[in-house]
Amino acid sequence: ILKAAVGATLTSLGPARAAAAQAQEAPGARPAARHRIVDVHNHPYWLGHNPRKMVENMDRCGIERTWLLSWEVPEDEISPGYYATLNPLGIGIPFSDVVRSCEQFPDQFVAGYAIDPRRPYAREKLRSAVAIHGVRVYGELKLRAHYDDPDFIAMYRLCGDLRLPVLFHLDVVLPPGSVQTSRQWWYGGDLDRVERALEVCPDTVFIGHSPGFWREISGDAGVEPLAYPEGKPIRPGGKILKLLEKHPNFYCDLSAGSGHTALSRDLEFTRRFLVEHQDRCLFGRDDVDTKLHDLLISLALPDEALAKILSSNAYRLVPAPQA
């Protein structure tokens, strides 16, 4: 889920950046329609957008399908900063809002649902959600619990059986290794907890997202005090790269300020990263803008790599319904 607004300055890439500027006339305008686009990370009734407004925004941005994710969470685990952008009629992002949106626009939306694995009825309700409401994604998982908890592992294994990718959010206590002196809104633990889940659930696809995830693109994450280390070069040895090399069921969600900040820190590194891992990176927004699309176009990626990131990888994980 999108954190507070974060500015990320994109340095110039010469002719490629100029081409992107010509292709993008104004914020929210439709990108050049060279590739199909799937947004793997968005939410219903989010950022002032009801389902109709979201579909209108998708049309302007050239997006043909969006994964709509719930955020099923106890109220005392929600940072107060989120309330300005959430639907005031529920707690977090209720699955009922996902269902309502998907029923209204079934061709545009894919249903995501991440019931809290700590609930004793969680796996039964997920099975029912798949059978009745056509859930295709387990997400967004965002809870103040460690993601290698036994109840979570059992849920991930069910997701593997049901062929549901697990899209998770990480936030960590900062600075690294410290004890919080005032309440911080951490979620999930850290990437080491996720690695254990990857190891014991090899048949389940995991998709990482958020500041606690993307800071691990750089090898200095263990000493980096900022959640959003803007403009700092990427150092060798990032845990994300190691997990991509080691675990074929590990994917990256490029959405939100966290993804954009990580990708715009070191553009030469980013282009190499996206080309090398083009099969495991997914376009997402967690927003209603075109910022990520603009950045991807500016990098002048090989056409095959760009097509995979914008939609092919998403359709491989969640195929389009048969006509």
Protein backbone atom coordinates (compact mmCIF):
# COMPACT_ATOMS: atom_id res chain seq x y z
CA ILE A 1 0.00 0.00 0.00
CA LEU A 2 1.22 3.44 -0.88
CA LYS A 3 2.99 5.26 1.97
CA ALA A 4 3.10 9.07 2.39
CA ALA A 5 3.82 10.99 -0.80
CA VAL A 6 7.48 10.66 -1.71
CA GLY A 7 9.27 12.78 -4.30
CA ALA A 8 11.80 10.98 -6.43
CA THR A 9 14.00 12.97 -8.79
CA LEU A 10 14.75 11.25 -12.09
CA THR A 11 18.05 12.22 -13.65
CA SER A 12 18.26 12.55 -17.40
CA LEU A 13 18.97 9.67 -19.73
CA GLY A 14 19.37 11.83 -22.82
CA PRO A 15 17.39 10.84 -25.95
CA ALA A 16 15.48 8.05 -24.20
CA ARG A 17 14.16 10.48 -21.58
CA ALA A 18 13.26 13.01 -24.27
CA ALA A 19 11.30 10.33 -26.13
CA ALA A 20 9.42 9.52 -22.96
CA ALA A 21 8.52 13.18 -22.47
CA GLN A 22 7.10 13.35 -25.98
CA ALA A 23 5.06 10.18 -25.40
CA GLN A 24 3.63 11.52 -22.13
CA GLU A 25 1.81 14.82 -22.67
CA ALA A 26 0.39 15.30 -19.17
CA PRO A 27 0.05 13.48 -15.84
CA GLY A 28 -2.67 10.85 -16.08
CA ALA A 29 -2.64 10.80 -19.88
CA ARG A 30 -2.64 7.56 -21.86
CA PRO A 31 0.91 6.24 -22.50
CA ALA A 32 1.90 5.26 -26.00
CA ALA A 33 -0.03 2.04 -26.70
CA ARG A 34 2.90 -0.15 -27.75
CA HIS A 35 2.37 -2.75 -25.06
CA ARG A 36 -0.43 -4.21 -23.03
CA ILE A 37 -0.31 -3.07 -19.40
CA VAL A 38 -1.45 -4.89 -16.27
CA ASP A 39 -1.33 -3.10 -12.92
CA VAL A 40 -0.63 -5.82 -10.34
CA HIS A 41 -1.05 -3.59 -7.30
CA ASN A 42 -4.02 -1.38 -6.63
CA HIS A 43 -6.98 -1.17 -4.29
CA PRO A 44 -10.72 -0.47 -4.36
CA TYR A 45 -12.05 2.82 -3.03
CA TRP A 46 -8.49 4.09 -2.79
CA LEU A 47 -7.04 7.59 -3.18
CA GLY A 48 -10.49 9.03 -3.82
CA HIS A 49 -11.27 6.56 -6.61
CA ASN A 50 -14.44 4.48 -6.59
CA PRO A 51 -14.61 1.62 -9.14
CA ARG A 52 -15.92 3.82 -11.96
CA LYS A 53 -13.23 6.46 -11.43
CA MET A 54 -10.56 3.76 -11.27
CA VAL A 55 -11.64 2.29 -14.61
CA GLU A 56 -11.67 5.77 -16.16
CA ASN A 57 -8.15 6.30 -14.84
CA MET A 58 -7.05 2.94 -16.23
CA ASP A 59 -8.41 3.89 -19.64
CA ARG A 60 -6.49 7.17 -19.60
CA CYS A 61 -3.30 5.33 -18.63
CA GLY A 62 -3.66 2.48 -21.13
CA ILE A 63 -4.09 -0.20 -18.45
CA GLU A 64 -6.27 -3.14 -19.46
CA ARG A 65 -6.44 -5.04 -16.15
CA THR A 66 -5.76 -4.26 -12.49
CA TRP A 67 -5.26 -6.59 -9.55
CA LEU A 68 -7.47 -5.15 -6.80
CA LEU A 69 -6.05 -6.11 -3.42
CA SER A 70 -7.67 -6.15 -0.01
CA TRP A 71 -5.97 -5.17 3.23
CA GLU A 72 -7.62 -7.28 5.91
CA VAL A 73 -6.07 -6.06 9.15
CA PRO A 74 -7.01 -5.42 12.78
CA GLU A 75 -7.73 -1.73 13.30
CA ASP A 76 -4.96 -1.33 15.87
CA GLU A 77 -2.41 -2.42 13.26
CA ILE A 78 -3.24 0.44 10.86
CA SER A 79 -1.06 3.53 10.87
CA PRO A 80 -3.32 6.58 11.33
CA GLY A 81 -1.74 8.16 8.27
CA TYR A 82 -3.69 5.80 6.02
CA TYR A 83 -7.13 7.02 7.02
CA ALA A 84 -7.04 9.98 4.63
CA THR A 85 -6.91 7.60 1.65
CA LEU A 86 -9.01 4.64 2.84
CA ASN A 87 -12.75 4.10 2.50
CA PRO A 88 -14.19 5.39 5.81
CA LEU A 89 -16.99 2.78 5.70
CA GLY A 90 -14.71 -0.11 6.65
CA ILE A 91 -11.49 -1.10 8.41
CA GLY A 92 -8.43 -1.26 6.19
CA ILE A 93 -9.49 -2.36 2.71
CA PRO A 94 -12.27 -4.93 3.18
CA PHE A 95 -12.62 -7.85 0.81
CA SER A 96 -16.24 -6.79 0.33
CA ASP A 97 -14.99 -3.66 -1.48
CA VAL A 98 -12.91 -5.86 -3.80
CA VAL A 99 -15.91 -8.07 -4.57
CA ARG A 100 -18.20 -5.10 -5.21
CA SER A 101 -15.68 -3.59 -7.64
CA CYS A 102 -15.02 -6.85 -9.49
CA GLU A 103 -18.73 -7.55 -9.89
CA GLN A 104 -19.20 -4.08 -11.38
CA PHE A 105 -16.23 -4.34 -13.78
CA PRO A 106 -15.33 -8.03 -14.19
CA ASP A 107 -13.27 -7.49 -17.36
CA GLN A 108 -11.06 -4.83 -15.80
CA PHE A 109 -10.39 -6.14 -12.28
CA VAL A 110 -8.77 -9.25 -10.78
CA ALA A 111 -9.83 -10.09 -7.21
CA GLY A 112 -7.18 -10.22 -4.49
CA TYR A 113 -7.83 -11.29 -0.90
CA ALA A 114 -5.38 -11.78 1.96
CA ILE A 115 -7.29 -12.91 5.01
CA ASP A 116 -5.23 -12.77 8.21
CA PRO A 117 -3.61 -16.24 8.58
CA ARG A 118 -3.81 -15.90 12.35
CA ARG A 119 -7.60 -16.31 12.24
CA PRO A 120 -8.65 -19.93 12.96
CA TYR A 121 -11.04 -19.97 9.99
CA ALA A 122 -8.62 -18.27 7.54
CA ARG A 123 -7.89 -21.13 5.15
CA GLU A 124 -11.52 -22.19 4.92
CA LYS A 125 -12.58 -18.62 4.06
CA LEU A 126 -9.87 -18.32 1.42
CA ARG A 127 -11.06 -21.52 -0.26
CA SER A 128 -14.59 -20.13 -0.25
CA ALA A 129 -13.44 -16.79 -1.67
CA VAL A 130 -11.72 -18.58 -4.56
CA ALA A 131 -14.75 -20.79 -5.28
CA ILE A 132 -17.43 -18.11 -4.96
CA HIS A 133 -15.74 -14.83 -5.85
CA GLY A 134 -12.98 -15.96 -8.20
CA VAL A 135 -10.04 -14.74 -6.12
CA ARG A 136 -6.80 -15.06 -8.10
CA VAL A 137 -4.24 -13.37 -5.80
CA TYR A 138 -3.46 -13.58 -2.08
CA GLY A 139 -2.76 -9.95 -1.33
CA GLU A 140 -2.02 -7.55 0.04
CA LEU A 141 -0.50 -9.34 3.02
CA LYS A 142 0.38 -6.57 5.46
CA LEU A 143 0.30 -7.47 9.14
CA ARG A 144 2.31 -6.80 12.28
CA ALA A 145 3.49 -10.39 12.52
CA HIS A 146 6.48 -12.37 11.35
CA TYR A 147 5.92 -13.83 7.92
CA ASP A 148 7.55 -17.16 8.81
CA ASP A 149 5.00 -17.80 11.58
CA PRO A 150 3.60 -21.37 11.32
CA ASP A 151 0.08 -20.11 10.55
CA PHE A 152 1.47 -18.02 7.70
CA ILE A 153 3.46 -20.96 6.30
CA ALA A 154 0.31 -23.08 6.26
CA MET A 155 -1.51 -20.30 4.38
CA TYR A 156 1.29 -19.97 1.82
CA ARG A 157 1.17 -23.70 1.13
CA LEU A 158 -2.55 -23.48 0.51
CA CYS A 159 -1.91 -20.58 -1.86
CA GLY A 160 0.53 -22.79 -3.74
CA ASP A 161 -2.12 -25.50 -4.03
CA LEU A 162 -4.66 -22.93 -5.26
CA ARG A 163 -2.14 -21.26 -7.62
CA LEU A 164 -2.50 -17.88 -5.90
CA PRO A 165 0.61 -15.67 -5.90
CA VAL A 166 1.27 -14.10 -2.48
CA LEU A 167 1.84 -10.34 -2.65
CA PHE A 168 3.35 -9.08 0.61
CA HIS A 169 4.30 -5.76 2.20
CA LEU A 170 7.36 -5.29 4.43
CA ASP A 171 8.21 -2.41 6.74
CA VAL A 172 11.05 -2.62 9.25
CA VAL A 173 12.05 -0.81 12.42
CA LEU A 174 14.60 1.91 11.66
CA PRO A 175 17.46 2.46 12.12
CA PRO A 176 18.33 -1.20 11.49
CA GLY A 177 18.95 -3.23 14.60
CA SER A 178 17.43 -0.65 16.93
CA VAL A 179 14.62 -1.02 19.42
CA GLN A 180 11.71 1.31 18.65
CA THR A 181 11.42 4.08 21.25
CA SER A 182 8.17 5.35 19.77
CA ARG A 183 5.67 3.29 17.82
CA GLN A 184 6.82 2.40 14.32
CA TRP A 185 4.50 0.74 11.82
CA TRP A 186 6.52 -2.34 10.96
CA TYR A 187 4.95 -5.20 9.00
CA GLY A 188 6.18 -8.72 8.33
CA GLY A 189 9.54 -8.75 10.07
CA ASP A 190 12.29 -8.57 7.46
CA LEU A 191 13.43 -10.21 4.23
CA ASP A 192 15.15 -13.02 6.14
CA ARG A 193 11.70 -14.12 7.36
CA VAL A 194 10.49 -14.13 3.77
CA GLU A 195 13.46 -16.23 2.69
CA ARG A 196 12.48 -18.98 5.11
CA ALA A 197 8.98 -18.96 3.58
CA LEU A 198 10.50 -19.18 0.10
CA GLU A 199 12.53 -22.19 1.17
CA VAL A 200 9.70 -24.16 2.79
CA CYS A 201 7.03 -23.18 0.21
CA PRO A 202 8.79 -23.72 -3.14
CA ASP A 203 5.49 -24.20 -4.99
CA THR A 204 4.18 -20.78 -3.94
CA VAL A 205 5.01 -17.55 -5.80
CA PHE A 206 5.92 -14.62 -3.54
CA ILE A 207 5.84 -11.01 -4.78
CA GLY A 208 7.64 -8.39 -2.69
CA HIS A 209 6.63 -4.76 -2.23
CA SER A 210 7.12 -1.67 -0.04
CA PRO A 211 9.95 0.24 1.69
CA GLY A 212 11.11 -2.63 3.89
CA PHE A 213 11.40 -4.74 0.74
CA TRP A 214 12.94 -2.32 -1.75
CA ARG A 215 15.61 -0.95 0.59
CA GLU A 216 17.16 -4.45 0.26
CA ILE A 217 18.02 -3.78 -3.39
CA SER A 218 21.27 -2.30 -2.03
CA GLY A 219 23.96 -4.10 -0.08
CA ASP A 220 24.08 -1.35 2.55
CA ALA A 221 20.47 -1.82 3.70
CA GLY A 222 21.71 -3.19 7.02
CA VAL A 223 23.13 0.22 7.96
CA GLU A 224 20.86 2.53 5.92
CA PRO A 225 18.79 4.65 8.36
CA LEU A 226 16.18 5.86 5.84
CA ALA A 227 13.12 4.00 4.58
CA TYR A 228 13.39 5.85 1.26
CA PRO A 229 17.12 6.33 0.50
CA GLU A 230 16.67 8.65 -2.48
CA GLY A 231 19.53 9.37 -4.83
CA LYS A 232 22.01 7.00 -3.17
CA PRO A 233 23.88 4.61 -5.46
CA ILE A 234 23.05 0.93 -5.23
CA ARG A 235 25.78 -0.99 -3.43
CA PRO A 236 26.67 -4.59 -4.38
CA GLY A 237 25.29 -7.47 -2.35
CA GLY A 238 21.61 -6.54 -2.06
CA LYS A 239 19.44 -9.31 -0.59
CA ILE A 240 16.82 -8.92 -3.33
CA LEU A 241 19.39 -9.89 -5.96
CA LYS A 242 20.51 -12.90 -3.93
CA LEU A 243 16.94 -14.13 -3.49
CA LEU A 244 16.20 -13.71 -7.21
CA GLU A 245 19.23 -15.84 -8.03
CA LYS A 246 18.39 -18.49 -5.44
CA HIS A 247 14.60 -18.80 -5.54
CA PRO A 248 12.65 -19.08 -8.81
CA ASN A 249 9.39 -18.45 -6.89
CA PHE A 250 10.48 -14.93 -5.86
CA TYR A 251 9.18 -11.86 -7.76
CA CYS A 252 9.33 -8.08 -7.42
CA ASP A 253 6.39 -5.64 -7.46
CA LEU A 254 7.70 -2.32 -8.83
CA SER A 255 4.81 -0.24 -7.48
CA ALA A 256 4.50 2.77 -5.18
CA GLY A 257 7.00 5.33 -3.98
CA SER A 258 9.18 2.54 -2.61
CA GLY A 259 9.60 0.85 -5.98
CA HIS A 260 10.06 4.13 -7.84
CA THR A 261 12.63 5.39 -5.34
CA ALA A 262 14.63 2.17 -5.53
CA LEU A 263 14.56 2.14 -9.33
CA SER A 264 15.47 5.82 -9.72
CA ARG A 265 18.42 5.77 -7.27
CA ASP A 266 20.94 4.46 -9.79
CA LEU A 267 19.62 4.33 -13.35
CA GLU A 268 22.52 2.40 -14.85
CA PHE A 269 22.08 -0.30 -12.22
CA THR A 270 18.29 -0.26 -12.69
CA ARG A 271 18.47 -0.89 -16.41
CA ARG A 272 20.81 -3.85 -15.89
CA PHE A 273 18.62 -5.16 -13.08
CA LEU A 274 15.42 -5.01 -15.11
CA VAL A 275 16.98 -6.62 -18.16
CA GLU A 276 18.59 -9.41 -16.14
CA HIS A 277 15.44 -10.08 -14.09
CA GLN A 278 12.84 -9.24 -16.73
CA ASP A 279 10.98 -12.50 -16.03
CA ARG A 280 10.52 -11.68 -12.33
CA CYS A 281 9.54 -7.98 -12.27
CA LEU A 282 5.92 -6.79 -12.38
CA PHE A 283 4.45 -3.40 -13.23
CA GLY A 284 2.21 -1.99 -10.52
CA ARG A 285 1.12 1.42 -9.30
CA ASP A 286 -0.49 1.40 -5.84
CA ASP A 287 -1.51 4.82 -7.08
CA VAL A 288 -3.34 6.46 -9.97
CA ASP A 289 -0.40 8.08 -11.76
CA THR A 290 1.94 7.17 -14.66
CA LYS A 291 5.20 7.72 -12.80
CA LEU A 292 6.48 4.16 -13.06
CA HIS A 293 5.51 3.84 -16.72
CA ASP A 294 7.39 7.06 -17.47
CA LEU A 295 10.49 5.73 -15.72
CA LEU A 296 10.39 2.40 -17.54
CA ILE A 297 10.05 4.12 -20.91
CA SER A 298 12.95 6.45 -20.08
CA LEU A 299 15.26 3.47 -19.57
CA ALA A 300 14.95 2.39 -23.23
CA LEU A 301 14.67 -1.27 -22.23
CA PRO A 302 14.70 -3.99 -24.88
CA ASP A 303 11.19 -4.39 -26.24
CA GLU A 304 10.86 -7.98 -25.01
CA ALA A 305 11.88 -7.03 -21.47
CA LEU A 306 9.47 -4.10 -21.34
CA ALA A 307 6.58 -6.25 -22.58
CA LYS A 308 7.25 -8.87 -19.90
CA ILE A 309 7.38 -6.29 -17.11
CA LEU A 310 4.27 -4.41 -18.26
CA SER A 311 1.99 -7.42 -18.67
CA SER A 312 3.37 -10.78 -19.80
CA ASN A 313 4.69 -11.76 -16.37
CA ALA A 314 1.39 -10.81 -14.76
CA TYR A 315 -0.58 -12.89 -17.27
CA ARG A 316 1.77 -15.82 -16.69
CA LEU A 317 1.00 -15.73 -12.96
CA VAL A 318 -2.70 -14.90 -13.34
CA PRO A 319 -3.89 -15.84 -16.83
CA ALA A 320 -6.73 -13.92 -18.40
CA PRO A 321 -10.11 -15.70 -18.25
CA GLN A 322 -10.95 -17.78 -21.29
CA ALA A 323 -13.61 -16.19 -23.48
